[in-house]
Amino acid sequence: MAGSQSRTKAHSRIRRPSLRAFTAEHIGVPQMLICLYGDMPTHVDSNFMIIGQFTVRSEDPVILWDRNGTLRAALSTSKASPTKLDWQWIEDRFWTWIQYVATKVGRGELFEAIRFLSFLQEKVPGPIAIELSGGKSYGVRHFEQIAATYGGQMRTTVASYDRKEIAKALLGVVEVYKSFRQNRALETLRMDAKTEEVVMRYLWDVLEQVGRACT
């Protein structure tokens, strides 16, 4: 009985009051609860899934509690398949993305250009560098811990609210991607040389225009 009481007191001491919780439809996962707990705030994501959803997974979960063994049984029927970076998916979209940002820089829509630069970092150089470093690519999360070797290259893709800096960072994204692409054995990668040429010519025109405007 005394042992039970001490455990109860211990649990009461580590309880963290809920500060805020909301569903994660903003990232396309409406069944997830994003929660904030405690006076020293702790972020916890609670993703509610049905058993059938575990048959297709990129990694095996750590099971903390499984009342009837149902989850273990479901996991035993399939294997985790780690997701790999899809270079063709990137290549098929990359030059259109670059043209979009170049257009925004040319028009002086700098907030939108910065926003899309962050998108490019998350979709192209960030995950590529993390995967090349042996990590799992979740955008740019944990980049400094996993892919510090590529930190210098990644910094060339960052800009403040300055038209010339943004244009230079966009060129940095292109140069980093092309260097990664060149150093990989990608014999099966289908590249559209014509689109790349047209977009690069357009980008250089914008860079020249920005240079004139900033002198």
Protein backbone atom coordinates (compact mmCIF):
# COMPACT_ATOMS: atom_id res chain seq x y z
CA MET A 1 0.00 0.00 0.00
CA ALA A 2 2.81 2.38 0.90
CA GLY A 3 4.55 1.56 -2.35
CA SER A 4 1.38 2.35 -4.27
CA GLN A 5 1.02 5.70 -2.50
CA SER A 6 4.63 6.67 -3.25
CA ARG A 7 4.13 5.82 -6.93
CA THR A 8 0.99 7.95 -6.98
CA LYS A 9 2.89 10.88 -5.47
CA ALA A 10 5.72 10.41 -7.95
CA HIS A 11 3.28 10.42 -10.87
CA SER A 12 1.59 13.55 -9.53
CA ARG A 13 4.93 15.32 -9.40
CA ILE A 14 5.70 14.62 -13.07
CA ARG A 15 2.24 15.36 -14.44
CA ARG A 16 2.26 18.12 -17.03
CA PRO A 17 -0.89 20.23 -17.44
CA SER A 18 -2.13 20.60 -20.99
CA LEU A 19 -1.66 24.14 -22.31
CA ARG A 20 -3.00 23.78 -25.83
CA ALA A 21 -4.01 21.09 -28.32
CA PHE A 22 -5.24 21.28 -31.91
CA THR A 23 -5.64 19.01 -34.92
CA ALA A 24 -2.96 18.96 -37.63
CA GLU A 25 -5.00 19.51 -40.77
CA HIS A 26 -2.55 22.29 -41.70
CA ILE A 27 0.01 19.58 -42.53
CA GLY A 28 -2.53 17.19 -44.02
CA VAL A 29 -2.84 14.93 -40.95
CA PRO A 30 -6.24 15.81 -39.41
CA GLN A 31 -6.20 12.76 -37.12
CA MET A 32 -3.09 14.05 -35.33
CA LEU A 33 -3.24 16.14 -32.17
CA ILE A 34 -0.45 18.67 -31.66
CA CYS A 35 -0.16 19.32 -27.94
CA LEU A 36 1.79 21.58 -25.64
CA TYR A 37 2.27 20.58 -21.99
CA GLY A 38 3.72 22.05 -18.82
CA ASP A 39 5.33 25.19 -17.47
CA MET A 40 8.57 24.16 -19.18
CA PRO A 41 6.66 23.56 -22.43
CA THR A 42 6.94 20.15 -24.07
CA HIS A 43 5.65 19.55 -27.60
CA VAL A 44 3.94 16.18 -28.14
CA ASP A 45 2.29 14.94 -31.34
CA SER A 46 -0.36 12.23 -30.88
CA ASN A 47 -1.22 10.54 -34.18
CA PHE A 48 -4.29 8.28 -34.02
CA MET A 49 -4.19 5.41 -36.51
CA ILE A 50 -6.14 2.23 -37.18
CA ILE A 51 -4.36 -1.13 -37.25
CA GLY A 52 -4.52 -1.45 -41.03
CA GLN A 53 -2.48 1.71 -41.50
CA PHE A 54 0.58 0.06 -39.97
CA THR A 55 1.00 -2.42 -42.83
CA VAL A 56 2.59 0.28 -44.98
CA ARG A 57 5.26 2.11 -42.97
CA SER A 58 8.75 3.52 -43.37
CA GLU A 59 9.97 2.33 -39.97
CA ASP A 60 8.87 0.10 -37.12
CA PRO A 61 7.41 1.86 -34.08
CA VAL A 62 8.55 1.30 -30.53
CA ILE A 63 5.57 -0.34 -28.79
CA LEU A 64 5.01 0.96 -25.28
CA TRP A 65 1.66 -0.70 -24.66
CA ASP A 66 -0.36 -3.23 -26.67
CA ARG A 67 -3.34 -4.51 -24.70
CA ASN A 68 -4.18 -7.62 -26.76
CA GLY A 69 -1.09 -7.98 -28.92
CA THR A 70 -3.10 -6.75 -31.92
CA LEU A 71 -0.49 -4.24 -33.02
CA ARG A 72 2.40 -6.72 -32.77
CA ALA A 73 0.41 -9.20 -34.82
CA ALA A 74 -0.30 -6.59 -37.51
CA LEU A 75 3.35 -5.55 -37.69
CA SER A 76 4.46 -9.16 -38.06
CA THR A 77 2.56 -9.50 -41.35
CA SER A 78 4.61 -6.82 -43.16
CA LYS A 79 8.00 -5.18 -43.19
CA ALA A 80 8.95 -1.53 -42.92
CA SER A 81 10.10 0.00 -46.21
CA PRO A 82 12.24 3.10 -45.61
CA THR A 83 11.38 5.88 -48.03
CA LYS A 84 14.16 6.84 -50.42
CA LEU A 85 14.72 10.20 -52.01
CA ASP A 86 13.05 10.32 -55.42
CA TRP A 87 15.54 12.14 -57.65
CA GLN A 88 13.26 11.93 -60.68
CA TRP A 89 10.42 13.55 -58.74
CA ILE A 90 12.75 16.44 -57.89
CA GLU A 91 14.19 16.77 -61.40
CA ASP A 92 10.73 16.81 -62.98
CA ARG A 93 9.74 19.82 -60.85
CA PHE A 94 12.95 21.64 -60.04
CA TRP A 95 13.29 23.96 -63.03
CA THR A 96 9.65 25.05 -62.89
CA TRP A 97 10.16 25.89 -59.20
CA ILE A 98 13.27 27.92 -60.03
CA GLN A 99 11.43 29.89 -62.73
CA TYR A 100 8.64 30.64 -60.26
CA VAL A 101 10.98 32.15 -57.68
CA ALA A 102 12.94 34.03 -60.33
CA THR A 103 9.68 35.60 -61.48
CA LYS A 104 8.89 36.72 -57.94
CA VAL A 105 12.37 38.21 -57.53
CA GLY A 106 11.99 40.03 -60.83
CA ARG A 107 8.67 41.50 -59.74
CA GLY A 108 9.97 42.47 -56.34
CA GLU A 109 7.63 40.08 -54.47
CA LEU A 110 10.28 39.38 -51.89
CA PHE A 111 8.20 37.84 -49.11
CA GLU A 112 6.84 35.24 -51.53
CA ALA A 113 10.32 34.63 -52.91
CA ILE A 114 11.71 34.03 -49.40
CA ARG A 115 8.80 31.72 -48.58
CA PHE A 116 9.46 29.63 -51.66
CA LEU A 117 13.20 29.58 -51.05
CA SER A 118 12.41 27.85 -47.75
CA PHE A 119 10.21 25.39 -49.64
CA LEU A 120 13.09 24.64 -52.03
CA GLN A 121 15.51 24.09 -49.13
CA GLU A 122 13.04 21.65 -47.60
CA LYS A 123 12.43 19.72 -50.83
CA VAL A 124 15.81 19.72 -52.58
CA PRO A 125 19.21 20.46 -50.97
CA GLY A 126 18.09 19.75 -47.40
CA PRO A 127 16.82 16.18 -47.83
CA ILE A 128 19.52 15.34 -50.38
CA ALA A 129 22.30 16.38 -48.00
CA ILE A 130 20.69 14.53 -45.10
CA GLU A 131 20.30 11.33 -47.11
CA LEU A 132 23.88 11.57 -48.42
CA SER A 133 24.94 11.85 -44.76
CA GLY A 134 23.13 8.63 -43.87
CA GLY A 135 20.09 10.20 -42.25
CA LYS A 136 16.37 10.05 -42.94
CA SER A 137 15.17 12.96 -44.97
CA TYR A 138 12.49 15.03 -43.26
CA GLY A 139 13.04 18.33 -45.02
CA VAL A 140 15.70 20.24 -43.10
CA ARG A 141 14.90 18.88 -39.64
CA HIS A 142 18.05 18.00 -37.67
CA PHE A 143 20.17 19.18 -40.60
CA GLU A 144 22.91 20.57 -38.35
CA GLN A 145 23.19 17.30 -36.40
CA ILE A 146 23.10 14.98 -39.44
CA ALA A 147 24.53 16.87 -42.40
CA ALA A 148 26.87 19.47 -40.93
CA THR A 149 29.40 18.64 -43.66
CA TYR A 150 27.08 20.31 -46.15
CA GLY A 151 26.37 23.33 -43.95
CA GLY A 152 28.47 25.69 -46.08
CA GLN A 153 26.58 24.76 -49.24
CA MET A 154 23.24 25.06 -47.47
CA ARG A 155 24.07 28.55 -46.22
CA THR A 156 24.38 29.75 -49.82
CA THR A 157 20.62 29.11 -50.20
CA VAL A 158 19.63 31.44 -47.33
CA ALA A 159 18.69 35.10 -47.77
CA SER A 160 17.36 38.02 -45.76
CA TYR A 161 14.78 40.50 -47.01
CA ASP A 162 17.00 41.88 -49.74
CA ARG A 163 16.37 41.48 -53.45
CA LYS A 164 20.00 40.94 -54.36
CA GLU A 165 20.51 38.41 -51.55
CA ILE A 166 17.41 36.48 -52.57
CA ALA A 167 18.54 36.31 -56.19
CA LYS A 168 21.98 35.10 -55.07
CA ALA A 169 20.40 32.48 -52.78
CA LEU A 170 18.23 31.21 -55.63
CA LEU A 171 21.34 30.76 -57.74
CA GLY A 172 22.84 28.98 -54.73
CA VAL A 173 19.95 26.49 -54.72
CA VAL A 174 20.62 25.77 -58.40
CA GLU A 175 24.36 25.33 -57.93
CA VAL A 176 23.98 23.08 -54.88
CA TYR A 177 21.41 20.88 -56.63
CA LYS A 178 23.52 20.57 -59.78
CA SER A 179 26.61 19.68 -57.74
CA PHE A 180 24.68 16.96 -55.90
CA ARG A 181 23.25 15.69 -59.16
CA GLN A 182 26.64 15.63 -60.85
CA ASN A 183 28.28 13.67 -58.03
CA ARG A 184 25.63 10.96 -57.91
CA ALA A 185 25.47 7.81 -60.04
CA LEU A 186 22.14 8.64 -61.63
CA GLU A 187 22.30 6.82 -64.94
CA THR A 188 18.52 6.38 -64.97
CA LEU A 189 17.73 10.03 -64.26
CA ARG A 190 15.86 11.63 -67.17
CA MET A 191 16.98 15.25 -67.45
CA ASP A 192 15.27 17.85 -69.62
CA ALA A 193 18.24 19.83 -70.93
CA LYS A 194 16.04 22.20 -72.93
CA THR A 195 13.94 23.27 -69.92
CA GLU A 196 17.07 23.67 -67.81
CA GLU A 197 18.69 25.84 -70.47
CA VAL A 198 15.60 28.07 -70.89
CA VAL A 199 15.12 28.54 -67.14
CA MET A 200 18.81 29.25 -66.52
CA ARG A 201 18.79 31.89 -69.25
CA TYR A 202 15.74 33.46 -67.63
CA LEU A 203 17.38 33.32 -64.19
CA TRP A 204 20.52 35.05 -65.46
CA ASP A 205 18.35 37.76 -67.03
CA VAL A 206 16.69 38.33 -63.65
CA LEU A 207 20.05 38.37 -61.88
CA GLU A 208 21.30 40.98 -64.34
CA GLN A 209 18.13 43.03 -63.85
CA VAL A 210 18.51 42.84 -60.04
CA GLY A 211 22.17 43.82 -60.30
CA ARG A 212 21.29 46.93 -62.31
CA ALA A 213 18.50 47.84 -59.87
CA CYS A 214 20.83 47.52 -56.87
CA THR A 215 23.71 49.60 -58.24
